[in-house]
N, C-alpha and C. Protein backbone atom coordinates (compact mmCIF):
# COMPACT_ATOMS: atom_id res chain seq x y z
N MET A 1 -92.70 47.34 24.72
CA MET A 1 -93.26 46.72 23.51
C MET A 1 -93.19 47.72 22.35
N MET A 2 -92.67 47.29 21.23
CA MET A 2 -92.49 48.19 20.09
C MET A 2 -93.84 48.50 19.45
N SER A 3 -94.10 49.78 19.23
CA SER A 3 -95.36 50.16 18.61
C SER A 3 -95.35 49.83 17.13
N VAL A 4 -96.54 49.79 16.55
CA VAL A 4 -96.66 49.46 15.12
C VAL A 4 -95.91 50.49 14.28
N ILE A 5 -96.03 51.78 14.69
CA ILE A 5 -95.39 52.85 13.90
C ILE A 5 -93.88 52.71 13.90
N SER A 6 -93.28 52.44 15.05
CA SER A 6 -91.83 52.37 15.10
C SER A 6 -91.30 51.08 14.50
N ALA A 7 -92.22 50.14 14.28
CA ALA A 7 -91.80 48.86 13.70
C ALA A 7 -91.85 48.88 12.18
N GLN A 8 -92.13 50.05 11.60
CA GLN A 8 -92.17 50.12 10.13
C GLN A 8 -90.83 49.70 9.55
N SER A 9 -90.90 49.01 8.44
CA SER A 9 -89.67 48.54 7.82
C SER A 9 -88.99 49.68 7.06
N LEU A 10 -87.71 49.51 6.84
CA LEU A 10 -86.93 50.49 6.08
C LEU A 10 -87.53 50.67 4.69
N ASP A 11 -87.98 49.58 4.10
CA ASP A 11 -88.59 49.62 2.77
C ASP A 11 -89.81 50.55 2.76
N GLU A 12 -90.67 50.42 3.78
CA GLU A 12 -91.87 51.28 3.85
C GLU A 12 -91.50 52.73 4.03
N ILE A 13 -90.51 53.00 4.87
CA ILE A 13 -90.10 54.38 5.14
C ILE A 13 -89.56 55.03 3.86
N VAL A 14 -88.73 54.29 3.12
CA VAL A 14 -88.16 54.83 1.87
C VAL A 14 -89.27 55.11 0.86
N LYS A 15 -90.26 54.20 0.78
CA LYS A 15 -91.38 54.41 -0.16
C LYS A 15 -92.19 55.65 0.22
N LYS A 16 -92.47 55.81 1.51
CA LYS A 16 -93.27 56.97 1.95
C LYS A 16 -92.48 58.26 1.80
N TYR A 17 -91.18 58.20 2.01
CA TYR A 17 -90.31 59.36 1.79
C TYR A 17 -90.34 59.76 0.31
N THR A 18 -90.26 58.77 -0.57
CA THR A 18 -90.28 59.02 -2.02
C THR A 18 -91.60 59.66 -2.43
N GLU A 19 -92.71 59.15 -1.89
CA GLU A 19 -94.03 59.69 -2.22
C GLU A 19 -94.20 61.11 -1.69
N ALA A 20 -93.82 61.33 -0.42
CA ALA A 20 -94.00 62.65 0.20
C ALA A 20 -93.22 63.73 -0.52
N ASN A 21 -92.05 63.37 -1.03
CA ASN A 21 -91.18 64.34 -1.70
C ASN A 21 -91.38 64.36 -3.21
N LYS A 22 -92.35 63.56 -3.70
CA LYS A 22 -92.70 63.53 -5.12
C LYS A 22 -91.48 63.25 -6.01
N LEU A 23 -90.61 62.35 -5.54
CA LEU A 23 -89.34 62.12 -6.23
C LEU A 23 -89.51 61.35 -7.53
N ASP A 24 -90.57 60.56 -7.66
CA ASP A 24 -90.80 59.89 -8.94
C ASP A 24 -91.12 60.91 -10.02
N HIS A 25 -91.84 61.98 -9.65
CA HIS A 25 -92.14 63.05 -10.60
C HIS A 25 -90.87 63.83 -10.95
N VAL A 26 -90.07 64.11 -9.94
CA VAL A 26 -88.85 64.91 -10.16
C VAL A 26 -87.92 64.22 -11.16
N SER A 27 -87.84 62.90 -11.08
CA SER A 27 -86.93 62.16 -11.96
C SER A 27 -87.33 62.28 -13.43
N SER A 28 -88.59 62.68 -13.70
CA SER A 28 -89.05 62.80 -15.09
C SER A 28 -88.83 64.20 -15.65
N LEU A 29 -88.37 65.12 -14.82
CA LEU A 29 -88.15 66.50 -15.28
C LEU A 29 -86.84 66.61 -16.07
N LYS A 30 -86.74 67.68 -16.85
CA LYS A 30 -85.53 67.90 -17.66
C LYS A 30 -84.53 68.81 -16.95
N THR A 31 -85.03 69.92 -16.40
CA THR A 31 -84.13 70.88 -15.75
C THR A 31 -84.78 71.47 -14.51
N ILE A 32 -83.92 71.94 -13.59
CA ILE A 32 -84.34 72.73 -12.44
C ILE A 32 -83.32 73.86 -12.27
N LYS A 33 -83.84 75.08 -12.10
CA LYS A 33 -82.97 76.22 -11.83
C LYS A 33 -83.42 76.87 -10.52
N VAL A 34 -82.48 77.08 -9.63
CA VAL A 34 -82.79 77.66 -8.32
C VAL A 34 -82.00 78.95 -8.13
N THR A 35 -82.71 80.00 -7.73
CA THR A 35 -82.07 81.25 -7.33
C THR A 35 -82.12 81.33 -5.81
N ALA A 36 -81.00 81.68 -5.19
CA ALA A 36 -80.93 81.61 -3.73
C ALA A 36 -80.03 82.69 -3.17
N ASN A 37 -80.10 82.82 -1.85
CA ASN A 37 -79.16 83.66 -1.11
C ASN A 37 -78.44 82.79 -0.10
N LEU A 38 -77.14 82.99 0.01
CA LEU A 38 -76.33 82.24 0.97
C LEU A 38 -75.82 83.23 2.01
N SER A 39 -76.06 82.92 3.27
CA SER A 39 -75.62 83.80 4.35
C SER A 39 -74.62 83.06 5.23
N ILE A 40 -73.44 83.66 5.39
CA ILE A 40 -72.40 83.02 6.19
C ILE A 40 -71.64 84.09 6.97
N GLN A 41 -71.64 83.95 8.26
CA GLN A 41 -70.93 84.90 9.15
C GLN A 41 -71.28 86.35 8.84
N GLY A 42 -72.57 86.59 8.63
CA GLY A 42 -73.02 87.96 8.39
C GLY A 42 -72.87 88.43 6.96
N MET A 43 -72.25 87.63 6.10
CA MET A 43 -72.08 88.00 4.69
C MET A 43 -73.22 87.39 3.86
N GLU A 44 -73.79 88.21 2.97
CA GLU A 44 -74.86 87.74 2.09
C GLU A 44 -74.29 87.55 0.68
N MET A 45 -74.54 86.38 0.12
CA MET A 45 -74.01 86.08 -1.22
C MET A 45 -75.11 85.49 -2.09
N PRO A 46 -75.41 86.13 -3.24
CA PRO A 46 -76.37 85.53 -4.17
C PRO A 46 -75.81 84.26 -4.79
N MET A 47 -76.71 83.33 -5.07
CA MET A 47 -76.29 82.03 -5.58
C MET A 47 -77.31 81.55 -6.61
N VAL A 48 -76.83 80.94 -7.68
CA VAL A 48 -77.71 80.34 -8.69
C VAL A 48 -77.26 78.90 -8.91
N LEU A 49 -78.23 78.00 -8.97
CA LEU A 49 -77.96 76.57 -9.13
C LEU A 49 -78.69 76.08 -10.38
N TRP A 50 -77.94 75.50 -11.32
CA TRP A 50 -78.51 74.91 -12.52
C TRP A 50 -78.37 73.39 -12.44
N MET A 51 -79.42 72.67 -12.77
CA MET A 51 -79.36 71.20 -12.80
C MET A 51 -80.06 70.70 -14.06
N LYS A 52 -79.41 69.77 -14.74
CA LYS A 52 -79.99 69.19 -15.94
C LYS A 52 -79.93 67.67 -15.82
N ASN A 53 -81.07 67.04 -15.99
CA ASN A 53 -81.16 65.59 -15.86
C ASN A 53 -80.29 64.88 -16.91
N PRO A 54 -79.52 63.84 -16.56
CA PRO A 54 -79.53 63.17 -15.25
C PRO A 54 -78.50 63.69 -14.25
N ASN A 55 -77.36 64.26 -14.74
CA ASN A 55 -76.30 64.51 -13.74
C ASN A 55 -75.47 65.77 -13.97
N LYS A 56 -75.95 66.68 -14.80
CA LYS A 56 -75.20 67.94 -14.97
C LYS A 56 -75.64 68.91 -13.86
N ILE A 57 -74.67 69.60 -13.27
CA ILE A 57 -74.98 70.51 -12.17
C ILE A 57 -73.95 71.63 -12.11
N LYS A 58 -74.43 72.83 -11.80
CA LYS A 58 -73.52 73.98 -11.70
C LYS A 58 -74.05 74.94 -10.64
N SER A 59 -73.15 75.43 -9.80
CA SER A 59 -73.53 76.47 -8.85
C SER A 59 -72.57 77.64 -8.99
N VAL A 60 -73.14 78.84 -8.92
CA VAL A 60 -72.34 80.06 -8.98
C VAL A 60 -72.72 80.92 -7.77
N THR A 61 -71.74 81.18 -6.92
CA THR A 61 -71.94 82.01 -5.74
C THR A 61 -71.10 83.27 -5.90
N SER A 62 -71.75 84.44 -5.80
CA SER A 62 -71.07 85.71 -6.07
C SER A 62 -70.72 86.43 -4.78
N PHE A 63 -69.51 86.96 -4.72
CA PHE A 63 -69.07 87.71 -3.54
C PHE A 63 -68.05 88.78 -3.95
N ASN A 64 -68.35 90.01 -3.61
CA ASN A 64 -67.45 91.14 -3.94
C ASN A 64 -67.10 91.18 -5.42
N GLY A 65 -68.10 90.94 -6.26
CA GLY A 65 -67.89 91.03 -7.70
C GLY A 65 -67.17 89.84 -8.32
N GLN A 66 -66.92 88.80 -7.53
CA GLN A 66 -66.25 87.61 -8.06
C GLN A 66 -67.17 86.40 -7.92
N ASP A 67 -67.03 85.46 -8.86
CA ASP A 67 -67.88 84.28 -8.87
C ASP A 67 -67.09 83.03 -8.46
N MET A 68 -67.63 82.34 -7.48
CA MET A 68 -67.11 81.02 -7.12
C MET A 68 -68.00 79.99 -7.82
N ILE A 69 -67.37 79.12 -8.59
CA ILE A 69 -68.12 78.21 -9.45
C ILE A 69 -67.77 76.75 -9.13
N GLN A 70 -68.80 75.93 -9.04
CA GLN A 70 -68.63 74.47 -9.00
C GLN A 70 -69.48 73.91 -10.12
N VAL A 71 -68.90 73.06 -10.95
CA VAL A 71 -69.65 72.54 -12.09
C VAL A 71 -69.25 71.10 -12.39
N PHE A 72 -70.24 70.29 -12.75
CA PHE A 72 -69.99 68.95 -13.27
C PHE A 72 -70.73 68.84 -14.59
N ASP A 73 -69.98 68.58 -15.67
CA ASP A 73 -70.57 68.63 -17.02
C ASP A 73 -71.10 67.28 -17.50
N GLY A 74 -71.16 66.31 -16.59
CA GLY A 74 -71.59 64.97 -16.96
C GLY A 74 -70.43 63.99 -17.04
N GLU A 75 -69.22 64.56 -17.16
CA GLU A 75 -68.01 63.72 -17.23
C GLU A 75 -66.95 64.16 -16.22
N LYS A 76 -66.72 65.47 -16.15
CA LYS A 76 -65.70 65.99 -15.23
C LYS A 76 -66.25 67.15 -14.43
N GLY A 77 -65.65 67.35 -13.24
CA GLY A 77 -66.05 68.46 -12.40
C GLY A 77 -64.92 69.46 -12.24
N TYR A 78 -65.28 70.74 -12.12
CA TYR A 78 -64.28 71.80 -11.95
C TYR A 78 -64.73 72.79 -10.87
N VAL A 79 -63.75 73.39 -10.23
CA VAL A 79 -64.00 74.44 -9.25
C VAL A 79 -63.22 75.68 -9.67
N VAL A 80 -63.87 76.84 -9.62
CA VAL A 80 -63.20 78.11 -9.81
C VAL A 80 -63.41 78.90 -8.52
N ASN A 81 -62.33 79.21 -7.82
CA ASN A 81 -62.43 79.90 -6.54
C ASN A 81 -61.47 81.08 -6.47
N PRO A 82 -61.94 82.27 -6.90
CA PRO A 82 -61.07 83.45 -6.85
C PRO A 82 -60.62 83.79 -5.43
N MET A 83 -61.40 83.35 -4.43
CA MET A 83 -61.04 83.62 -3.04
C MET A 83 -59.73 82.93 -2.67
N ALA A 84 -59.38 81.88 -3.45
CA ALA A 84 -58.13 81.17 -3.20
C ALA A 84 -56.98 81.76 -4.01
N GLY A 85 -57.28 82.86 -4.72
CA GLY A 85 -56.21 83.58 -5.40
C GLY A 85 -56.04 83.26 -6.87
N SER A 86 -57.00 82.49 -7.45
CA SER A 86 -56.87 82.13 -8.86
C SER A 86 -58.24 82.02 -9.50
N THR A 87 -58.34 82.46 -10.76
CA THR A 87 -59.60 82.32 -11.50
C THR A 87 -59.52 81.15 -12.48
N ASP A 88 -58.45 80.36 -12.38
CA ASP A 88 -58.32 79.19 -13.26
C ASP A 88 -59.15 78.03 -12.71
N PRO A 89 -59.82 77.28 -13.60
CA PRO A 89 -60.57 76.11 -13.13
C PRO A 89 -59.64 75.00 -12.66
N VAL A 90 -59.99 74.40 -11.53
CA VAL A 90 -59.24 73.27 -10.98
C VAL A 90 -60.14 72.05 -11.02
N GLU A 91 -59.61 70.96 -11.57
CA GLU A 91 -60.44 69.74 -11.69
C GLU A 91 -60.72 69.14 -10.31
N MET A 92 -61.97 68.73 -10.15
CA MET A 92 -62.38 68.12 -8.88
C MET A 92 -61.80 66.72 -8.72
N THR A 93 -61.59 66.34 -7.48
CA THR A 93 -61.24 64.94 -7.19
C THR A 93 -62.52 64.11 -7.29
N PRO A 94 -62.40 62.79 -7.43
CA PRO A 94 -63.60 61.94 -7.47
C PRO A 94 -64.50 62.14 -6.26
N ASP A 95 -63.92 62.34 -5.07
CA ASP A 95 -64.73 62.57 -3.87
C ASP A 95 -65.48 63.89 -3.94
N GLN A 96 -64.83 64.92 -4.50
CA GLN A 96 -65.49 66.21 -4.65
C GLN A 96 -66.66 66.12 -5.64
N VAL A 97 -66.46 65.32 -6.70
CA VAL A 97 -67.54 65.12 -7.67
C VAL A 97 -68.74 64.47 -7.01
N LYS A 98 -68.48 63.42 -6.22
CA LYS A 98 -69.59 62.73 -5.54
C LYS A 98 -70.31 63.66 -4.59
N GLN A 99 -69.54 64.48 -3.89
CA GLN A 99 -70.15 65.42 -2.95
C GLN A 99 -71.01 66.45 -3.69
N THR A 100 -70.51 66.93 -4.83
CA THR A 100 -71.26 67.89 -5.63
C THR A 100 -72.55 67.28 -6.16
N LEU A 101 -72.46 66.05 -6.64
CA LEU A 101 -73.64 65.39 -7.21
C LEU A 101 -74.70 65.08 -6.17
N ARG A 102 -74.30 65.06 -4.89
CA ARG A 102 -75.30 64.84 -3.83
C ARG A 102 -76.24 66.04 -3.69
N SER A 103 -75.90 67.16 -4.36
CA SER A 103 -76.79 68.33 -4.37
C SER A 103 -77.87 68.22 -5.45
N SER A 104 -77.75 67.24 -6.33
CA SER A 104 -78.70 67.10 -7.43
C SER A 104 -80.09 66.73 -6.90
N MET A 105 -81.10 67.42 -7.38
CA MET A 105 -82.47 67.14 -6.96
C MET A 105 -83.11 66.03 -7.78
N PHE A 106 -82.43 65.60 -8.84
CA PHE A 106 -83.01 64.56 -9.70
C PHE A 106 -82.86 63.16 -9.12
N GLN A 107 -81.90 63.01 -8.22
CA GLN A 107 -81.60 61.69 -7.68
C GLN A 107 -82.36 61.43 -6.38
N ASN A 108 -82.94 60.24 -6.28
CA ASN A 108 -83.54 59.81 -5.02
C ASN A 108 -82.46 59.03 -4.27
N PHE A 109 -81.61 59.77 -3.56
CA PHE A 109 -80.46 59.14 -2.91
C PHE A 109 -80.88 58.11 -1.87
N MET A 110 -81.97 58.39 -1.18
CA MET A 110 -82.44 57.44 -0.17
C MET A 110 -82.75 56.09 -0.80
N ALA A 111 -83.49 56.11 -1.92
CA ALA A 111 -83.85 54.87 -2.61
C ALA A 111 -82.61 54.19 -3.20
N ASN A 112 -81.68 55.00 -3.72
CA ASN A 112 -80.46 54.43 -4.29
C ASN A 112 -79.62 53.73 -3.22
N TYR A 113 -79.46 54.39 -2.07
CA TYR A 113 -78.69 53.78 -0.98
C TYR A 113 -79.37 52.49 -0.51
N PHE A 114 -80.70 52.53 -0.46
CA PHE A 114 -81.45 51.34 -0.01
C PHE A 114 -81.23 50.17 -0.98
N LYS A 115 -81.32 50.50 -2.26
CA LYS A 115 -81.15 49.46 -3.30
C LYS A 115 -79.75 48.86 -3.25
N ASN A 116 -78.76 49.69 -2.89
CA ASN A 116 -77.37 49.23 -2.84
C ASN A 116 -76.99 48.60 -1.50
N GLY A 117 -77.97 48.46 -0.61
CA GLY A 117 -77.69 47.85 0.69
C GLY A 117 -76.84 48.72 1.60
N GLN A 118 -76.92 50.04 1.42
CA GLN A 118 -76.09 50.97 2.21
C GLN A 118 -76.84 51.61 3.37
N LEU A 119 -78.13 51.26 3.53
CA LEU A 119 -78.95 51.88 4.57
C LEU A 119 -79.23 50.91 5.71
N THR A 120 -79.29 51.48 6.93
CA THR A 120 -79.80 50.74 8.08
C THR A 120 -80.70 51.65 8.88
N LEU A 121 -81.76 51.08 9.44
CA LEU A 121 -82.66 51.83 10.31
C LEU A 121 -82.04 51.82 11.70
N ASP A 122 -81.72 53.02 12.19
CA ASP A 122 -80.93 53.14 13.41
C ASP A 122 -81.76 53.71 14.56
N GLY A 123 -83.03 53.28 14.61
CA GLY A 123 -83.90 53.71 15.70
C GLY A 123 -84.60 55.02 15.42
N GLU A 124 -84.93 55.72 16.48
CA GLU A 124 -85.64 56.99 16.37
C GLU A 124 -84.96 58.05 17.23
N ASP A 125 -85.22 59.31 16.88
CA ASP A 125 -84.70 60.42 17.65
C ASP A 125 -85.69 61.57 17.50
N LYS A 126 -85.39 62.69 18.14
CA LYS A 126 -86.25 63.86 17.99
C LYS A 126 -85.46 64.97 17.32
N VAL A 127 -86.12 65.63 16.36
CA VAL A 127 -85.54 66.80 15.70
C VAL A 127 -86.55 67.93 15.88
N ASN A 128 -86.12 69.01 16.50
CA ASN A 128 -87.02 70.12 16.84
C ASN A 128 -88.24 69.62 17.62
N ASP A 129 -87.97 68.71 18.56
CA ASP A 129 -89.00 68.16 19.46
C ASP A 129 -90.05 67.31 18.76
N LYS A 130 -89.77 66.90 17.53
CA LYS A 130 -90.71 66.02 16.83
C LYS A 130 -90.03 64.70 16.52
N PRO A 131 -90.75 63.57 16.67
CA PRO A 131 -90.14 62.26 16.44
C PRO A 131 -89.74 62.04 14.98
N ALA A 132 -88.59 61.43 14.80
CA ALA A 132 -88.07 61.17 13.44
C ALA A 132 -87.39 59.81 13.41
N PHE A 133 -87.50 59.14 12.26
CA PHE A 133 -86.74 57.92 12.03
C PHE A 133 -85.29 58.32 11.78
N LYS A 134 -84.36 57.57 12.37
CA LYS A 134 -82.94 57.82 12.12
C LYS A 134 -82.43 56.71 11.20
N ILE A 135 -81.97 57.11 10.03
CA ILE A 135 -81.50 56.16 9.02
C ILE A 135 -80.04 56.45 8.71
N LYS A 136 -79.23 55.41 8.80
CA LYS A 136 -77.80 55.57 8.58
C LYS A 136 -77.42 55.06 7.19
N ALA A 137 -76.70 55.91 6.45
CA ALA A 137 -76.17 55.51 5.14
C ALA A 137 -74.65 55.47 5.24
N THR A 138 -74.07 54.33 4.89
CA THR A 138 -72.62 54.21 4.84
C THR A 138 -72.23 54.14 3.37
N ILE A 139 -71.59 55.20 2.89
CA ILE A 139 -71.35 55.30 1.45
C ILE A 139 -69.87 55.28 1.14
N GLU A 140 -69.55 55.52 -0.14
CA GLU A 140 -68.19 55.39 -0.63
C GLU A 140 -67.23 56.27 0.17
N GLY A 141 -66.02 55.75 0.34
CA GLY A 141 -64.98 56.53 1.02
C GLY A 141 -65.12 56.54 2.52
N GLY A 142 -66.03 55.71 3.06
CA GLY A 142 -66.19 55.65 4.50
C GLY A 142 -67.04 56.76 5.08
N THR A 143 -67.63 57.59 4.22
CA THR A 143 -68.52 58.65 4.70
C THR A 143 -69.80 58.05 5.28
N VAL A 144 -70.21 58.56 6.43
CA VAL A 144 -71.44 58.11 7.07
C VAL A 144 -72.41 59.28 7.13
N ILE A 145 -73.65 59.05 6.65
CA ILE A 145 -74.69 60.09 6.69
C ILE A 145 -75.84 59.57 7.53
N ASP A 146 -76.12 60.27 8.63
CA ASP A 146 -77.32 59.98 9.42
C ASP A 146 -78.44 60.89 8.91
N MET A 147 -79.53 60.26 8.47
CA MET A 147 -80.66 61.02 7.91
C MET A 147 -81.87 60.85 8.83
N TYR A 148 -82.50 61.96 9.12
CA TYR A 148 -83.64 61.95 10.04
C TYR A 148 -84.91 62.28 9.26
N ILE A 149 -85.86 61.33 9.23
CA ILE A 149 -87.10 61.48 8.48
C ILE A 149 -88.24 61.72 9.46
N ASP A 150 -88.90 62.87 9.33
CA ASP A 150 -90.01 63.19 10.22
C ASP A 150 -91.10 62.12 10.10
N LYS A 151 -91.59 61.63 11.24
CA LYS A 151 -92.51 60.50 11.24
C LYS A 151 -93.91 60.86 10.76
N SER A 152 -94.26 62.14 10.76
CA SER A 152 -95.60 62.51 10.30
C SER A 152 -95.60 62.96 8.84
N SER A 153 -94.58 63.73 8.44
CA SER A 153 -94.56 64.27 7.06
C SER A 153 -93.73 63.42 6.10
N TYR A 154 -92.80 62.64 6.63
CA TYR A 154 -91.81 61.87 5.85
C TYR A 154 -90.88 62.78 5.05
N PHE A 155 -90.72 64.02 5.51
CA PHE A 155 -89.71 64.91 4.95
C PHE A 155 -88.39 64.69 5.69
N LEU A 156 -87.30 64.93 4.97
CA LEU A 156 -85.98 64.91 5.59
C LEU A 156 -85.83 66.19 6.41
N VAL A 157 -85.58 66.06 7.72
CA VAL A 157 -85.51 67.24 8.58
C VAL A 157 -84.11 67.48 9.15
N LYS A 158 -83.22 66.50 8.96
CA LYS A 158 -81.84 66.70 9.39
C LYS A 158 -80.93 65.68 8.72
N THR A 159 -79.73 66.11 8.35
CA THR A 159 -78.69 65.16 7.96
C THR A 159 -77.44 65.49 8.76
N SER A 160 -76.74 64.46 9.15
CA SER A 160 -75.47 64.62 9.85
C SER A 160 -74.44 63.78 9.11
N THR A 161 -73.51 64.46 8.42
CA THR A 161 -72.53 63.78 7.57
C THR A 161 -71.16 63.80 8.22
N THR A 162 -70.59 62.61 8.40
CA THR A 162 -69.27 62.49 9.02
C THR A 162 -68.28 61.98 7.99
N THR A 163 -67.22 62.79 7.74
CA THR A 163 -66.21 62.41 6.77
C THR A 163 -64.82 62.60 7.40
N SER A 164 -63.83 62.03 6.73
CA SER A 164 -62.45 62.22 7.16
C SER A 164 -61.77 63.15 6.17
N GLN A 165 -61.26 64.27 6.67
CA GLN A 165 -60.58 65.24 5.81
C GLN A 165 -59.20 65.54 6.38
N GLY A 166 -58.19 65.13 5.63
CA GLY A 166 -56.82 65.39 6.06
C GLY A 166 -56.49 64.74 7.39
N GLY A 167 -57.06 63.54 7.59
CA GLY A 167 -56.78 62.81 8.83
C GLY A 167 -57.66 63.23 10.00
N MET A 168 -58.53 64.25 9.78
CA MET A 168 -59.43 64.70 10.83
C MET A 168 -60.86 64.27 10.52
N THR A 169 -61.61 63.95 11.55
CA THR A 169 -63.02 63.62 11.38
C THR A 169 -63.84 64.90 11.46
N VAL A 170 -64.63 65.14 10.42
CA VAL A 170 -65.45 66.36 10.34
C VAL A 170 -66.91 65.97 10.24
N THR A 171 -67.76 66.59 11.06
CA THR A 171 -69.19 66.34 11.00
C THR A 171 -69.92 67.61 10.59
N VAL A 172 -70.80 67.46 9.60
CA VAL A 172 -71.58 68.60 9.10
C VAL A 172 -73.06 68.29 9.33
N ASP A 173 -73.74 69.15 10.06
CA ASP A 173 -75.18 68.98 10.32
C ASP A 173 -75.98 69.95 9.46
N SER A 174 -77.02 69.44 8.79
CA SER A 174 -77.89 70.30 7.97
C SER A 174 -79.34 70.10 8.37
N TYR A 175 -80.08 71.21 8.38
CA TYR A 175 -81.50 71.18 8.77
C TYR A 175 -82.34 71.82 7.65
N PRO A 176 -82.94 71.00 6.77
CA PRO A 176 -83.81 71.55 5.74
C PRO A 176 -85.20 71.86 6.34
N THR A 177 -85.75 73.03 5.99
CA THR A 177 -87.06 73.43 6.49
C THR A 177 -87.86 74.13 5.39
N ASP A 178 -89.06 74.56 5.74
CA ASP A 178 -89.93 75.34 4.85
C ASP A 178 -90.18 74.61 3.53
N TYR A 179 -90.60 73.35 3.61
CA TYR A 179 -90.89 72.58 2.40
C TYR A 179 -92.05 73.22 1.64
N THR A 180 -91.84 73.44 0.35
CA THR A 180 -92.83 74.09 -0.50
C THR A 180 -92.90 73.35 -1.84
N GLU A 181 -94.12 73.19 -2.35
CA GLU A 181 -94.28 72.52 -3.65
C GLU A 181 -94.28 73.56 -4.77
N THR A 182 -93.40 73.36 -5.73
CA THR A 182 -93.31 74.23 -6.90
C THR A 182 -93.32 73.37 -8.15
N SER A 183 -94.35 73.54 -8.98
CA SER A 183 -94.46 72.76 -10.23
C SER A 183 -94.29 71.26 -9.99
N GLY A 184 -94.88 70.80 -8.91
CA GLY A 184 -94.82 69.37 -8.60
C GLY A 184 -93.54 68.91 -7.95
N VAL A 185 -92.67 69.88 -7.61
CA VAL A 185 -91.41 69.55 -6.95
C VAL A 185 -91.49 70.01 -5.49
N MET A 186 -91.23 69.10 -4.55
CA MET A 186 -91.26 69.43 -3.13
C MET A 186 -89.84 69.76 -2.68
N ILE A 187 -89.63 71.01 -2.29
CA ILE A 187 -88.27 71.48 -2.02
C ILE A 187 -88.23 72.23 -0.68
N PRO A 188 -87.19 71.93 0.14
CA PRO A 188 -86.99 72.74 1.35
C PRO A 188 -86.41 74.09 0.95
N MET A 189 -87.14 75.16 1.22
CA MET A 189 -86.72 76.48 0.76
C MET A 189 -85.61 77.07 1.63
N LYS A 190 -85.42 76.51 2.83
CA LYS A 190 -84.33 76.96 3.69
C LYS A 190 -83.54 75.76 4.21
N THR A 191 -82.23 75.90 4.24
CA THR A 191 -81.37 74.88 4.84
C THR A 191 -80.31 75.56 5.67
N THR A 192 -80.25 75.19 6.94
CA THR A 192 -79.21 75.70 7.83
C THR A 192 -78.18 74.61 8.04
N THR A 193 -76.92 74.93 7.78
CA THR A 193 -75.83 73.95 7.90
C THR A 193 -74.83 74.43 8.94
N SER A 194 -74.46 73.54 9.83
CA SER A 194 -73.46 73.85 10.85
C SER A 194 -72.25 72.95 10.67
N ALA A 195 -71.07 73.56 10.60
CA ALA A 195 -69.83 72.80 10.44
C ALA A 195 -68.69 73.52 11.13
N GLN A 196 -68.04 72.83 12.04
CA GLN A 196 -66.86 73.37 12.73
C GLN A 196 -67.13 74.77 13.32
N GLY A 197 -68.29 74.90 13.95
CA GLY A 197 -68.63 76.15 14.63
C GLY A 197 -69.12 77.26 13.73
N MET A 198 -69.32 76.96 12.45
CA MET A 198 -69.77 77.97 11.49
C MET A 198 -71.17 77.61 10.98
N ASP A 199 -72.07 78.60 10.93
CA ASP A 199 -73.42 78.37 10.42
C ASP A 199 -73.57 78.99 9.03
N ILE A 200 -74.18 78.22 8.14
CA ILE A 200 -74.44 78.69 6.78
C ILE A 200 -75.94 78.53 6.52
N LEU A 201 -76.60 79.60 6.07
CA LEU A 201 -78.02 79.53 5.74
C LEU A 201 -78.18 79.72 4.24
N ILE A 202 -78.86 78.77 3.62
CA ILE A 202 -79.20 78.89 2.19
C ILE A 202 -80.70 79.07 2.09
N ASN A 203 -81.11 80.18 1.49
CA ASN A 203 -82.53 80.52 1.37
C ASN A 203 -82.89 80.57 -0.12
N PHE A 204 -83.71 79.60 -0.57
CA PHE A 204 -84.15 79.58 -1.96
C PHE A 204 -85.21 80.66 -2.16
N THR A 205 -85.03 81.51 -3.16
CA THR A 205 -86.00 82.57 -3.43
C THR A 205 -86.84 82.30 -4.68
N LYS A 206 -86.33 81.44 -5.58
CA LYS A 206 -87.07 81.14 -6.81
C LYS A 206 -86.67 79.77 -7.32
N VAL A 207 -87.67 78.96 -7.68
CA VAL A 207 -87.42 77.63 -8.25
C VAL A 207 -88.13 77.56 -9.60
N GLU A 208 -87.36 77.27 -10.65
CA GLU A 208 -87.93 77.17 -12.01
C GLU A 208 -87.72 75.75 -12.53
N VAL A 209 -88.78 75.19 -13.09
CA VAL A 209 -88.76 73.80 -13.55
C VAL A 209 -88.89 73.73 -15.06
N ASP A 210 -88.08 72.86 -15.67
CA ASP A 210 -88.11 72.63 -17.12
C ASP A 210 -87.92 73.91 -17.93
N VAL A 211 -87.01 74.78 -17.46
CA VAL A 211 -86.65 75.95 -18.26
C VAL A 211 -85.58 75.52 -19.27
N PRO A 212 -85.53 76.15 -20.45
CA PRO A 212 -84.50 75.79 -21.42
C PRO A 212 -83.11 75.97 -20.82
N MET A 213 -82.25 74.97 -21.06
CA MET A 213 -80.92 75.00 -20.48
C MET A 213 -79.95 74.26 -21.41
N GLU A 214 -79.10 75.03 -22.07
CA GLU A 214 -78.14 74.42 -22.99
C GLU A 214 -77.02 73.72 -22.24
N ASP A 215 -76.45 72.68 -22.86
CA ASP A 215 -75.32 71.98 -22.25
C ASP A 215 -74.13 72.91 -22.04
N SER A 216 -74.06 73.99 -22.86
CA SER A 216 -72.93 74.93 -22.76
C SER A 216 -72.89 75.63 -21.39
N VAL A 217 -74.03 75.66 -20.69
CA VAL A 217 -74.07 76.24 -19.34
C VAL A 217 -73.06 75.54 -18.43
N PHE A 218 -72.84 74.25 -18.69
CA PHE A 218 -72.02 73.43 -17.79
C PHE A 218 -70.58 73.28 -18.29
N LYS A 219 -70.25 74.00 -19.35
CA LYS A 219 -68.87 73.97 -19.86
C LYS A 219 -68.08 75.10 -19.24
N ILE A 220 -66.89 74.81 -18.79
CA ILE A 220 -66.08 75.83 -18.14
C ILE A 220 -64.74 76.02 -18.85
N LYS A 221 -64.40 75.07 -19.72
CA LYS A 221 -63.12 75.17 -20.44
C LYS A 221 -63.19 74.40 -21.73
């Protein structure tokens, strides 16, 4: 017999997720700036993330004196990757833009997917031995995102994203933890991501809300 808790509707879960993460408040903010450290295969890389409502976003990751940049200025996205042998900006594909914008903290993606009929409640599972709702989002380009919402906190505790890249199916698992409230914004201060046998840890060290941020920050050319 299905318990009352597991019988909660998708609508209720999305509402409680929105409330727990204070996403209605976040949508009213102007800017968010995050200072972070990225750790990958023993390498430590400082990272800064700028976001301006509604859709401007820029990340700069520094390594060996060079900056890897991803930016979307509200109209076009660009990548600068000196590790690939060039410091010239390369325009993002539409799929890369969508992927970049999924990092924006201003968007309530769960509510947007629900409104667009892209969500299904796919039962329950356990994440770190705690029960979680499993919600499946089928989005543009055939990408499938399984999102796990902790049943007690209504925080997102895991995402599993499956995409097709170059004819291969790739799954990326992310585990957000250490949720902390800063200026009314509820943010996971640590995220561990596993992809193709590689682990990446992003550790947020400082979150600044509504700091002055000129549009020129997001211009690259």
